[in-house]
Amino acid sequence: MNMYVSNLSFQTTDDDLKNLFSQYGNVTSAKIINDRETGRSRGFGFVEMDVVTEGREAMEKLNGKEIEGRAMSVTIAKEREDRGKRSGFSGNKRW
């Protein structure tokens, strides 16, 4: 089960996220998403757990829980949609 975790403190690390969710079962991955340019946390991440029932329990118990002064949100992650090839140009092509 893949979960989207948002409204995290910018100091939260991958290990913090893994340790938090590990209370409810085996965490196969925990990743905080960082800004490409600054390397700073963007305040959200993803957690993957093997067993769906454990993931649902973690989601139920941790959704809205206050961590480091912020009430985090835990939901089922949506599949990333294909945004197609990205080019550096946007706007009307008038050639």
PDB file of N, CA and C in Angstrom:
ATOM      1  N   MET A   1       0.859  -1.171   0.000  1.00  0.00           N
ATOM      2  CA  MET A   1       0.000   0.000   0.000  1.00  0.00           C
ATOM      3  C   MET A   1       0.901   1.228   0.000  1.00  0.00           C
ATOM      4  N   ASN A   2       0.653   2.142  -0.925  1.00  0.00           N
ATOM      5  CA  ASN A   2       1.446   3.363  -1.039  1.00  0.00           C
ATOM      6  C   ASN A   2       0.623   4.536  -0.514  1.00  0.00           C
ATOM      7  N   MET A   3       1.212   5.292   0.428  1.00  0.00           N
ATOM      8  CA  MET A   3       0.498   6.402   1.061  1.00  0.00           C
ATOM      9  C   MET A   3       1.209   7.729   0.823  1.00  0.00           C
ATOM     10  N   TYR A   4       0.419   8.761   0.657  1.00  0.00           N
ATOM     11  CA  TYR A   4       0.896  10.125   0.507  1.00  0.00           C
ATOM     12  C   TYR A   4       0.765  10.798   1.869  1.00  0.00           C
ATOM     13  N   VAL A   5       1.871  11.362   2.355  1.00  0.00           N
ATOM     14  CA  VAL A   5       1.894  11.987   3.679  1.00  0.00           C
ATOM     15  C   VAL A   5       2.252  13.452   3.486  1.00  0.00           C
ATOM     16  N   SER A   6       1.360  14.350   3.908  1.00  0.00           N
ATOM     17  CA  SER A   6       1.598  15.776   3.688  1.00  0.00           C
ATOM     18  C   SER A   6       1.485  16.567   4.988  1.00  0.00           C
ATOM     19  N   ASN A   7       1.797  17.837   4.879  1.00  0.00           N
ATOM     20  CA  ASN A   7       1.809  18.778   6.000  1.00  0.00           C
ATOM     21  C   ASN A   7       2.844  18.370   7.050  1.00  0.00           C
ATOM     22  N   LEU A   8       3.992  17.933   6.556  1.00  0.00           N
ATOM     23  CA  LEU A   8       5.086  17.533   7.438  1.00  0.00           C
ATOM     24  C   LEU A   8       5.983  18.731   7.751  1.00  0.00           C
ATOM     25  N   SER A   9       6.639  18.663   8.884  1.00  0.00           N
ATOM     26  CA  SER A   9       7.644  19.654   9.236  1.00  0.00           C
ATOM     27  C   SER A   9       8.780  19.555   8.213  1.00  0.00           C
ATOM     28  N   PHE A  10       9.413  20.667   7.920  1.00  0.00           N
ATOM     29  CA  PHE A  10      10.508  20.665   6.963  1.00  0.00           C
ATOM     30  C   PHE A  10      11.755  19.973   7.531  1.00  0.00           C
ATOM     31  N   GLN A  11      11.746  19.672   8.830  1.00  0.00           N
ATOM     32  CA  GLN A  11      12.863  18.968   9.461  1.00  0.00           C
ATOM     33  C   GLN A  11      12.666  17.448   9.482  1.00  0.00           C
ATOM     34  N   THR A  12      11.490  16.965   9.098  1.00  0.00           N
ATOM     35  CA  THR A  12      11.210  15.531   9.093  1.00  0.00           C
ATOM     36  C   THR A  12      12.098  14.833   8.058  1.00  0.00           C
ATOM     37  N   THR A  13      12.711  13.723   8.463  1.00  0.00           N
ATOM     38  CA  THR A  13      13.596  12.970   7.571  1.00  0.00           C
ATOM     39  C   THR A  13      12.935  11.671   7.123  1.00  0.00           C
ATOM     40  N   ASP A  14      13.568  11.009   6.157  1.00  0.00           N
ATOM     41  CA  ASP A  14      13.096   9.698   5.703  1.00  0.00           C
ATOM     42  C   ASP A  14      13.021   8.735   6.882  1.00  0.00           C
ATOM     43  N   ASP A  15      14.061   8.742   7.722  1.00  0.00           N
ATOM     44  CA  ASP A  15      14.100   7.839   8.881  1.00  0.00           C
ATOM     45  C   ASP A  15      12.992   8.154   9.883  1.00  0.00           C
ATOM     46  N   ASP A  16      12.712   9.438  10.095  1.00  0.00           N
ATOM     47  CA  ASP A  16      11.617   9.821  10.999  1.00  0.00           C
ATOM     48  C   ASP A  16      10.299   9.234  10.502  1.00  0.00           C
ATOM     49  N   LEU A  17      10.066   9.377   9.217  1.00  0.00           N
ATOM     50  CA  LEU A  17       8.827   8.885   8.611  1.00  0.00           C
ATOM     51  C   LEU A  17       8.748   7.360   8.727  1.00  0.00           C
ATOM     52  N   LYS A  18       9.855   6.684   8.433  1.00  0.00           N
ATOM     53  CA  LYS A  18       9.882   5.225   8.527  1.00  0.00           C
ATOM     54  C   LYS A  18       9.624   4.764   9.954  1.00  0.00           C
ATOM     55  N   ASN A  19      10.274   5.390  10.920  1.00  0.00           N
ATOM     56  CA  ASN A  19      10.096   5.004  12.327  1.00  0.00           C
ATOM     57  C   ASN A  19       8.657   5.214  12.786  1.00  0.00           C
ATOM     58  N   LEU A  20       8.042   6.300  12.362  1.00  0.00           N
ATOM     59  CA  LEU A  20       6.668   6.602  12.747  1.00  0.00           C
ATOM     60  C   LEU A  20       5.700   5.537  12.238  1.00  0.00           C
ATOM     61  N   PHE A  21       5.833   5.169  10.969  1.00  0.00           N
ATOM     62  CA  PHE A  21       4.920   4.203  10.358  1.00  0.00           C
ATOM     63  C   PHE A  21       5.248   2.763  10.759  1.00  0.00           C
ATOM     64  N   SER A  22       6.490   2.509  11.144  1.00  0.00           N
ATOM     65  CA  SER A  22       6.900   1.159  11.542  1.00  0.00           C
ATOM     66  C   SER A  22       6.183   0.664  12.789  1.00  0.00           C
ATOM     67  N   GLN A  23       5.589   1.563  13.538  1.00  0.00           N
ATOM     68  CA  GLN A  23       4.804   1.177  14.715  1.00  0.00           C
ATOM     69  C   GLN A  23       3.607   0.308  14.316  1.00  0.00           C
ATOM     70  N   TYR A  24       3.214   0.374  13.043  1.00  0.00           N
ATOM     71  CA  TYR A  24       2.002  -0.307  12.586  1.00  0.00           C
ATOM     72  C   TYR A  24       2.280  -1.474  11.644  1.00  0.00           C
ATOM     73  N   GLY A  25       3.554  -1.700  11.304  1.00  0.00           N
ATOM     74  CA  GLY A  25       3.894  -2.816  10.427  1.00  0.00           C
ATOM     75  C   GLY A  25       5.181  -2.561   9.674  1.00  0.00           C
ATOM     76  N   ASN A  26       5.467  -3.441   8.730  1.00  0.00           N
ATOM     77  CA  ASN A  26       6.700  -3.358   7.947  1.00  0.00           C
ATOM     78  C   ASN A  26       6.618  -2.258   6.892  1.00  0.00           C
ATOM     79  N   VAL A  27       7.545  -1.328   6.961  1.00  0.00           N
ATOM     80  CA  VAL A  27       7.630  -0.238   5.980  1.00  0.00           C
ATOM     81  C   VAL A  27       8.673  -0.629   4.937  1.00  0.00           C
ATOM     82  N   THR A  28       8.257  -0.720   3.676  1.00  0.00           N
ATOM     83  CA  THR A  28       9.202  -1.091   2.624  1.00  0.00           C
ATOM     84  C   THR A  28       9.952   0.118   2.089  1.00  0.00           C
ATOM     85  N   SER A  29       9.343   1.309   2.178  1.00  0.00           N
ATOM     86  CA  SER A  29      10.053   2.526   1.798  1.00  0.00           C
ATOM     87  C   SER A  29       9.371   3.736   2.427  1.00  0.00           C
ATOM     88  N   ALA A  30      10.187   4.742   2.707  1.00  0.00           N
ATOM     89  CA  ALA A  30       9.703   6.016   3.243  1.00  0.00           C
ATOM     90  C   ALA A  30      10.586   7.099   2.646  1.00  0.00           C
ATOM     91  N   LYS A  31       9.990   8.043   1.943  1.00  0.00           N
ATOM     92  CA  LYS A  31      10.766   9.040   1.222  1.00  0.00           C
ATOM     93  C   LYS A  31      10.146  10.421   1.349  1.00  0.00           C
ATOM     94  N   ILE A  32      10.936  11.365   1.870  1.00  0.00           N
ATOM     95  CA  ILE A  32      10.551  12.775   1.892  1.00  0.00           C
ATOM     96  C   ILE A  32      10.947  13.363   0.538  1.00  0.00           C
ATOM     97  N   ILE A  33      10.084  14.163  -0.044  1.00  0.00           N
ATOM     98  CA  ILE A  33      10.381  14.778  -1.337  1.00  0.00           C
ATOM     99  C   ILE A  33      11.067  16.127  -1.093  1.00  0.00           C
ATOM    100  N   ASN A  34      12.207  16.294  -1.765  1.00  0.00           N
ATOM    101  CA  ASN A  34      12.996  17.519  -1.619  1.00  0.00           C
ATOM    102  C   ASN A  34      12.914  18.374  -2.873  1.00  0.00           C
ATOM    103  N   ASP A  35      13.059  19.669  -2.698  1.00  0.00           N
ATOM    104  CA  ASP A  35      13.108  20.613  -3.802  1.00  0.00           C
ATOM    105  C   ASP A  35      14.364  20.345  -4.630  1.00  0.00           C
ATOM    106  N   ARG A  36      14.246  20.323  -5.932  1.00  0.00           N
ATOM    107  CA  ARG A  36      15.386  20.026  -6.807  1.00  0.00           C
ATOM    108  C   ARG A  36      16.492  21.073  -6.700  1.00  0.00           C
ATOM    109  N   GLU A  37      16.114  22.324  -6.580  1.00  0.00           N
ATOM    110  CA  GLU A  37      17.110  23.399  -6.582  1.00  0.00           C
ATOM    111  C   GLU A  37      17.748  23.628  -5.226  1.00  0.00           C
ATOM    112  N   THR A  38      16.952  23.624  -4.157  1.00  0.00           N
ATOM    113  CA  THR A  38      17.489  23.958  -2.838  1.00  0.00           C
ATOM    114  C   THR A  38      17.852  22.732  -2.013  1.00  0.00           C
ATOM    115  N   GLY A  39      17.273  21.579  -2.338  1.00  0.00           N
ATOM    116  CA  GLY A  39      17.517  20.368  -1.562  1.00  0.00           C
ATOM    117  C   GLY A  39      16.709  20.307  -0.273  1.00  0.00           C
ATOM    118  N   ARG A  40      15.940  21.354   0.023  1.00  0.00           N
ATOM    119  CA  ARG A  40      15.100  21.395   1.229  1.00  0.00           C
ATOM    120  C   ARG A  40      13.847  20.558   1.032  1.00  0.00           C
ATOM    121  N   SER A  41      13.348  20.053   2.159  1.00  0.00           N
ATOM    122  CA  SER A  41      12.104  19.292   2.140  1.00  0.00           C
ATOM    123  C   SER A  41      10.972  20.157   1.595  1.00  0.00           C
ATOM    124  N   ARG A  42      10.052  19.515   0.871  1.00  0.00           N
ATOM    125  CA  ARG A  42       8.862  20.220   0.377  1.00  0.00           C
ATOM    126  C   ARG A  42       7.675  20.009   1.302  1.00  0.00           C
ATOM    127  N   GLY A  43       7.886  19.276   2.416  1.00  0.00           N
ATOM    128  CA  GLY A  43       6.830  19.105   3.407  1.00  0.00           C
ATOM    129  C   GLY A  43       5.881  17.954   3.141  1.00  0.00           C
ATOM    130  N   PHE A  44       6.259  17.070   2.218  1.00  0.00           N
ATOM    131  CA  PHE A  44       5.439  15.887   1.976  1.00  0.00           C
ATOM    132  C   PHE A  44       6.327  14.730   1.552  1.00  0.00           C
ATOM    133  N   GLY A  45       5.749  13.536   1.577  1.00  0.00           N
ATOM    134  CA  GLY A  45       6.507  12.355   1.187  1.00  0.00           C
ATOM    135  C   GLY A  45       5.592  11.174   0.942  1.00  0.00           C
ATOM    136  N   PHE A  46       6.203  10.010   0.770  1.00  0.00           N
ATOM    137  CA  PHE A  46       5.471   8.791   0.482  1.00  0.00           C
ATOM    138  C   PHE A  46       5.977   7.667   1.374  1.00  0.00           C
ATOM    139  N   VAL A  47       5.055   6.827   1.821  1.00  0.00           N
ATOM    140  CA  VAL A  47       5.392   5.653   2.631  1.00  0.00           C
ATOM    141  C   VAL A  47       4.727   4.458   1.980  1.00  0.00           C
ATOM    142  N   GLU A  48       5.491   3.378   1.853  1.00  0.00           N
ATOM    143  CA  GLU A  48       4.937   2.155   1.286  1.00  0.00           C
ATOM    144  C   GLU A  48       5.040   1.045   2.321  1.00  0.00           C
ATOM    145  N   MET A  49       3.922   0.331   2.502  1.00  0.00           N
ATOM    146  CA  MET A  49       3.867  -0.794   3.436  1.00  0.00           C
ATOM    147  C   MET A  49       3.366  -2.022   2.673  1.00  0.00           C
ATOM    148  N   ASP A  50       3.931  -3.198   3.017  1.00  0.00           N
ATOM    149  CA  ASP A  50       3.582  -4.456   2.344  1.00  0.00           C
ATOM    150  C   ASP A  50       2.130  -4.867   2.546  1.00  0.00           C
ATOM    151  N   VAL A  51       1.686  -4.829   3.799  1.00  0.00           N
ATOM    152  CA  VAL A  51       0.387  -5.379   4.161  1.00  0.00           C
ATOM    153  C   VAL A  51      -0.669  -4.260   4.190  1.00  0.00           C
ATOM    154  N   VAL A  52      -1.695  -4.411   3.373  1.00  0.00           N
ATOM    155  CA  VAL A  52      -2.732  -3.385   3.243  1.00  0.00           C
ATOM    156  C   VAL A  52      -3.406  -3.085   4.577  1.00  0.00           C
ATOM    157  N   THR A  53      -3.709  -4.111   5.370  1.00  0.00           N
ATOM    158  CA  THR A  53      -4.389  -3.876   6.652  1.00  0.00           C
ATOM    159  C   THR A  53      -3.508  -3.047   7.598  1.00  0.00           C
ATOM    160  N   GLU A  54      -2.201  -3.290   7.573  1.00  0.00           N
ATOM    161  CA  GLU A  54      -1.284  -2.493   8.396  1.00  0.00           C
ATOM    162  C   GLU A  54      -1.231  -1.053   7.890  1.00  0.00           C
ATOM    163  N   GLY A  55      -1.211  -0.890   6.579  1.00  0.00           N
ATOM    164  CA  GLY A  55      -1.211   0.450   5.990  1.00  0.00           C
ATOM    165  C   GLY A  55      -2.475   1.225   6.348  1.00  0.00           C
ATOM    166  N   ARG A  56      -3.609   0.549   6.281  1.00  0.00           N
ATOM    167  CA  ARG A  56      -4.879   1.207   6.630  1.00  0.00           C
ATOM    168  C   ARG A  56      -4.907   1.604   8.103  1.00  0.00           C
ATOM    169  N   GLU A  57      -4.364   0.731   8.965  1.00  0.00           N
ATOM    170  CA  GLU A  57      -4.313   1.061  10.388  1.00  0.00           C
ATOM    171  C   GLU A  57      -3.405   2.272  10.621  1.00  0.00           C
ATOM    172  N   ALA A  58      -2.250   2.287   9.965  1.00  0.00           N
ATOM    173  CA  ALA A  58      -1.326   3.425  10.096  1.00  0.00           C
ATOM    174  C   ALA A  58      -1.998   4.702   9.615  1.00  0.00           C
ATOM    175  N   MET A  59      -2.704   4.609   8.492  1.00  0.00           N
ATOM    176  CA  MET A  59      -3.389   5.780   7.949  1.00  0.00           C
ATOM    177  C   MET A  59      -4.448   6.287   8.928  1.00  0.00           C
ATOM    178  N   GLU A  60      -5.216   5.373   9.485  1.00  0.00           N
ATOM    179  CA  GLU A  60      -6.268   5.735  10.429  1.00  0.00           C
ATOM    180  C   GLU A  60      -5.702   6.391  11.691  1.00  0.00           C
ATOM    181  N   LYS A  61      -4.621   5.814  12.212  1.00  0.00           N
ATOM    182  CA  LYS A  61      -4.047   6.303  13.482  1.00  0.00           C
ATOM    183  C   LYS A  61      -3.231   7.582  13.304  1.00  0.00           C
ATOM    184  N   LEU A  62      -2.585   7.738  12.148  1.00  0.00           N
ATOM    185  CA  LEU A  62      -1.666   8.866  11.977  1.00  0.00           C
ATOM    186  C   LEU A  62      -2.269  10.065  11.254  1.00  0.00           C
ATOM    187  N   ASN A  63      -3.352   9.871  10.519  1.00  0.00           N
ATOM    188  CA  ASN A  63      -3.981  10.998   9.826  1.00  0.00           C
ATOM    189  C   ASN A  63      -4.474  12.017  10.850  1.00  0.00           C
ATOM    190  N   GLY A  64      -3.997  13.239  10.743  1.00  0.00           N
ATOM    191  CA  GLY A  64      -4.390  14.304  11.667  1.00  0.00           C
ATOM    192  C   GLY A  64      -3.524  14.378  12.914  1.00  0.00           C
ATOM    193  N   LYS A  65      -2.613  13.415  13.094  1.00  0.00           N
ATOM    194  CA  LYS A  65      -1.743  13.419  14.275  1.00  0.00           C
ATOM    195  C   LYS A  65      -0.753  14.574  14.181  1.00  0.00           C
ATOM    196  N   GLU A  66      -0.577  15.258  15.294  1.00  0.00           N
ATOM    197  CA  GLU A  66       0.338  16.396  15.319  1.00  0.00           C
ATOM    198  C   GLU A  66       1.759  15.907  15.556  1.00  0.00           C
ATOM    199  N   ILE A  67       2.632  16.249  14.633  1.00  0.00           N
ATOM    200  CA  ILE A  67       4.054  15.920  14.707  1.00  0.00           C
ATOM    201  C   ILE A  67       4.836  17.212  14.493  1.00  0.00           C
ATOM    202  N   GLU A  68       5.688  17.549  15.450  1.00  0.00           N
ATOM    203  CA  GLU A  68       6.496  18.757  15.381  1.00  0.00           C
ATOM    204  C   GLU A  68       5.632  20.001  15.088  1.00  0.00           C
ATOM    205  N   GLY A  69       4.479  20.067  15.740  1.00  0.00           N
ATOM    206  CA  GLY A  69       3.620  21.239  15.627  1.00  0.00           C
ATOM    207  C   GLY A  69       2.740  21.297  14.396  1.00  0.00           C
ATOM    208  N   ARG A  70       2.710  20.224  13.599  1.00  0.00           N
ATOM    209  CA  ARG A  70       1.888  20.216  12.384  1.00  0.00           C
ATOM    210  C   ARG A  70       1.025  18.958  12.357  1.00  0.00           C
ATOM    211  N   ALA A  71      -0.248  19.116  12.017  1.00  0.00           N
ATOM    212  CA  ALA A  71      -1.163  17.980  11.905  1.00  0.00           C
ATOM    213  C   ALA A  71      -0.999  17.377  10.512  1.00  0.00           C
ATOM    214  N   MET A  72      -0.343  16.214  10.449  1.00  0.00           N
ATOM    215  CA  MET A  72      -0.075  15.624   9.139  1.00  0.00           C
ATOM    216  C   MET A  72      -1.317  14.972   8.555  1.00  0.00           C
ATOM    217  N   SER A  73      -1.305  14.868   7.244  1.00  0.00           N
ATOM    218  CA  SER A  73      -2.393  14.248   6.507  1.00  0.00           C
ATOM    219  C   SER A  73      -1.851  12.992   5.840  1.00  0.00           C
ATOM    220  N   VAL A  74      -2.577  11.879   5.972  1.00  0.00           N
ATOM    221  CA  VAL A  74      -2.162  10.609   5.371  1.00  0.00           C
ATOM    222  C   VAL A  74      -3.310  10.096   4.521  1.00  0.00           C
ATOM    223  N   THR A  75      -3.050   9.903   3.231  1.00  0.00           N
ATOM    224  CA  THR A  75      -4.060   9.393   2.302  1.00  0.00           C
ATOM    225  C   THR A  75      -3.424   8.341   1.401  1.00  0.00           C
ATOM    226  N   ILE A  76      -4.260   7.620   0.672  1.00  0.00           N
ATOM    227  CA  ILE A  76      -3.741   6.675  -0.318  1.00  0.00           C
ATOM    228  C   ILE A  76      -3.152   7.483  -1.462  1.00  0.00           C
ATOM    229  N   ALA A  77      -1.932   7.130  -1.859  1.00  0.00           N
ATOM    230  CA  ALA A  77      -1.261   7.849  -2.948  1.00  0.00           C
ATOM    231  C   ALA A  77      -1.943   7.531  -4.271  1.00  0.00           C
ATOM    232  N   LYS A  78      -2.100   8.542  -5.090  1.00  0.00           N
ATOM    233  CA  LYS A  78      -2.654   8.361  -6.432  1.00  0.00           C
ATOM    234  C   LYS A  78      -1.509   8.038  -7.374  1.00  0.00           C
ATOM    235  N   GLU A  79      -1.814   7.285  -8.405  1.00  0.00           N
ATOM    236  CA  GLU A  79      -0.800   6.985  -9.416  1.00  0.00           C
ATOM    237  C   GLU A  79      -0.390   8.281 -10.090  1.00  0.00           C
ATOM    238  N   ARG A  80       0.894   8.396 -10.348  1.00  0.00           N
ATOM    239  CA  ARG A  80       1.399   9.597 -11.014  1.00  0.00           C
ATOM    240  C   ARG A  80       0.919   9.578 -12.457  1.00  0.00           C
ATOM    241  N   GLU A  81       0.322  10.672 -12.880  1.00  0.00           N
ATOM    242  CA  GLU A  81      -0.168  10.703 -14.240  1.00  0.00           C
ATOM    243  C   GLU A  81       0.936  11.127 -15.189  1.00  0.00           C
ATOM    244  N   ASP A  82       0.905  10.570 -16.377  1.00  0.00           N
ATOM    245  CA  ASP A  82       1.898  10.895 -17.391  1.00  0.00           C
ATOM    246  C   ASP A  82       1.595  12.287 -17.930  1.00  0.00           C
ATOM    247  N   ARG A  83       2.546  13.181 -17.740  1.00  0.00           N
ATOM    248  CA  ARG A  83       2.345  14.543 -18.207  1.00  0.00           C
ATOM    249  C   ARG A  83       2.973  14.765 -19.570  1.00  0.00           C
ATOM    250  N   GLY A  84       3.445  13.691 -20.174  1.00  0.00           N
ATOM    251  CA  GLY A  84       4.023  13.791 -21.504  1.00  0.00           C
ATOM    252  C   GLY A  84       5.397  14.428 -21.481  1.00  0.00           C
ATOM    253  N   LYS A  85       5.947  14.583 -22.653  1.00  0.00           N
ATOM    254  CA  LYS A  85       7.271  15.185 -22.793  1.00  0.00           C
ATOM    255  C   LYS A  85       7.201  16.654 -22.433  1.00  0.00           C
ATOM    256  N   ARG A  86       8.160  17.075 -21.618  1.00  0.00           N
ATOM    257  CA  ARG A  86       8.178  18.479 -21.200  1.00  0.00           C
ATOM    258  C   ARG A  86       9.278  19.208 -21.958  1.00  0.00           C
ATOM    259  N   SER A  87       8.918  20.338 -22.492  1.00  0.00           N
ATOM    260  CA  SER A  87       9.921  21.163 -23.157  1.00  0.00           C
ATOM    261  C   SER A  87      10.085  22.456 -22.370  1.00  0.00           C
ATOM    262  N   GLY A  88      11.100  23.173 -22.671  1.00  0.00           N
ATOM    263  CA  GLY A  88      11.364  24.417 -21.962  1.00  0.00           C
ATOM    264  C   GLY A  88      10.531  25.573 -22.480  1.00  0.00           C
ATOM    265  N   PHE A  89       9.737  25.336 -23.512  1.00  0.00           N
ATOM    266  CA  PHE A  89       8.954  26.408 -24.119  1.00  0.00           C
ATOM    267  C   PHE A  89       7.478  26.262 -23.776  1.00  0.00           C
ATOM    268  N   SER A  90       6.872  27.349 -23.420  1.00  0.00           N
ATOM    269  CA  SER A  90       5.418  27.338 -23.249  1.00  0.00           C
ATOM    270  C   SER A  90       4.862  28.578 -23.915  1.00  0.00           C
ATOM    271  N   GLY A  91       3.681  28.471 -24.393  1.00  0.00           N
ATOM    272  CA  GLY A  91       3.068  29.615 -25.059  1.00  0.00           C
ATOM    273  C   GLY A  91       2.635  29.246 -26.453  1.00  0.00           C
ATOM    274  N   ASN A  92       2.174  30.231 -27.179  1.00  0.00           N
ATOM    275  CA  ASN A  92       1.686  29.996 -28.539  1.00  0.00           C
ATOM    276  C   ASN A  92       2.846  29.924 -29.516  1.00  0.00           C
ATOM    277  N   LYS A  93       2.758  28.991 -30.424  1.00  0.00           N
ATOM    278  CA  LYS A  93       3.771  28.882 -31.494  1.00  0.00           C
ATOM    279  C   LYS A  93       3.233  29.618 -32.714  1.00  0.00           C
ATOM    280  N   ARG A  94       3.857  30.712 -33.000  1.00  0.00           N
ATOM    281  CA  ARG A  94       3.380  31.519 -34.143  1.00  0.00           C
ATOM    282  C   ARG A  94       4.526  31.678 -35.143  1.00  0.00           C
ATOM    283  N   TRP A  95       4.867  30.601 -35.792  1.00  0.00           N
ATOM    284  CA  TRP A  95       5.962  30.696 -36.757  1.00  0.00           C
ATOM    285  C   TRP A  95       5.462  30.578 -38.123  1.00  0.00           C
TER     286      TRP A  95
END
